[in-house]
Protein backbone atom coordinates (compact mmCIF):
# COMPACT_ATOMS: atom_id res chain seq x y z
CA UNK A 1 0.00 0.00 0.00
CA UNK A 2 1.40 3.37 -0.93
CA UNK A 3 1.12 6.68 0.91
CA UNK A 4 -1.16 8.36 -1.62
CA UNK A 5 -3.69 5.51 -1.64
CA UNK A 6 -3.84 5.47 2.16
CA UNK A 7 -4.11 9.27 2.30
CA UNK A 8 -6.99 9.31 -0.20
CA UNK A 9 -8.78 6.55 1.75
CA UNK A 10 -8.46 8.56 4.98
CA UNK A 11 -9.59 11.74 3.24
CA UNK A 12 -12.64 9.97 1.79
CA UNK A 13 -13.43 8.20 5.04
CA UNK A 14 -13.29 11.40 7.08
CA UNK A 15 -15.10 13.42 4.41
CA UNK A 16 -12.65 16.20 5.22
CA UNK A 17 -10.65 18.76 3.28
CA UNK A 18 -7.17 17.74 4.34
CA UNK A 19 -3.78 17.89 2.70
CA UNK A 20 -0.44 16.45 3.79
CA UNK A 21 2.42 18.64 4.98
CA UNK A 22 5.01 16.03 3.99
CA UNK A 23 5.15 13.21 1.46
CA UNK A 24 7.54 10.26 1.38
CA UNK A 25 10.44 9.78 -1.00
CA UNK A 26 10.16 6.09 -1.80
CA UNK A 27 8.01 3.63 0.10
CA UNK A 28 8.21 0.83 2.62
CA UNK A 29 11.63 -0.89 2.39
CA UNK A 30 12.75 1.72 -0.17
CA UNK A 31 11.83 4.75 1.95
CA UNK A 32 14.63 7.21 1.32
CA UNK A 33 13.33 10.41 2.92
CA UNK A 34 10.52 12.92 2.61
CA UNK A 35 9.49 16.16 0.96
CA UNK A 36 8.45 19.04 3.21
CA UNK A 37 5.60 20.66 1.25
CA UNK A 38 5.74 23.87 3.27
CA UNK A 39 9.41 24.47 2.46
CA UNK A 40 9.28 22.55 -0.87
CA UNK A 41 12.48 20.86 0.11
CA UNK A 42 13.59 17.23 0.09
CA UNK A 43 15.27 15.47 3.00
CA UNK A 44 17.12 12.17 2.67
CA UNK A 45 17.51 9.78 5.59
CA UNK A 46 21.05 8.85 6.62
CA UNK A 47 22.16 5.38 5.49
CA UNK A 48 23.10 4.43 9.07
CA UNK A 49 19.42 4.36 10.22
CA UNK A 50 20.18 7.08 12.78
CA UNK A 51 17.13 9.07 11.71
CA UNK A 52 19.34 11.99 10.71
CA UNK A 53 18.51 13.74 7.46
CA UNK A 54 20.32 15.82 4.89
CA UNK A 55 18.92 18.17 2.27
CA UNK A 56 18.28 16.66 -1.16
CA UNK A 57 16.54 17.57 -4.38
CA UNK A 58 12.92 16.56 -4.79
CA UNK A 59 13.07 13.50 -7.05
CA UNK A 60 11.78 14.08 -10.58
CA UNK A 61 9.24 11.25 -10.29
CA UNK A 62 7.36 13.00 -7.44
CA UNK A 63 8.14 16.67 -8.18
CA UNK A 64 4.89 17.28 -10.07
CA UNK A 65 2.84 15.61 -7.31
CA UNK A 66 4.69 17.69 -4.68
CA UNK A 67 3.93 20.91 -6.59
CA UNK A 68 0.27 19.91 -6.95
CA UNK A 69 -0.02 19.20 -3.22
CA UNK A 70 1.75 22.47 -2.37
CA UNK A 71 -0.82 24.40 -4.43
CA UNK A 72 -3.57 22.48 -2.61
CA UNK A 73 -1.96 23.40 0.70
CA UNK A 74 -1.86 27.07 -0.34
CA UNK A 75 -5.56 26.98 -1.27
CA UNK A 76 -6.50 25.38 2.06
CA UNK A 77 -4.46 27.98 3.96
CA UNK A 78 -6.00 30.85 1.96
CA UNK A 79 -9.52 29.58 2.68
CA UNK A 80 -8.77 29.28 6.40
CA UNK A 81 -7.29 32.81 6.48
CA UNK A 82 -10.35 34.14 4.69
CA UNK A 83 -12.71 32.43 7.14
CA UNK A 84 -10.72 33.79 10.09
CA UNK A 85 -10.69 37.31 8.61
CA UNK A 86 -14.45 37.23 8.17
CA UNK A 87 -14.95 36.13 11.74
CA UNK A 88 -12.23 38.04 13.60
CA UNK A 89 -10.97 40.72 11.22
CA UNK A 90 -7.89 40.79 8.99
CA UNK A 91 -4.94 38.53 9.79
CA UNK A 92 -1.32 39.30 9.11
């Protein structure tokens, strides 16, 4: 089972407008790191299984998906800001 299938199942099951903040680079035994969608930056796990990370490029095979999810994240944030502004006044 891959991350995106599980995420869509959760999203459908909850009937919620949610978006991930991070997505994996690789999966299961081939998990190599993650992409931070807020910073649009990749992080690779250290080979020694220490949990340490180092910066890396977002792999080409998931770059488009990462950009799509970042735009979704921006839209969700904009909608939340708008709702807050209507209720409590402008936000900075």
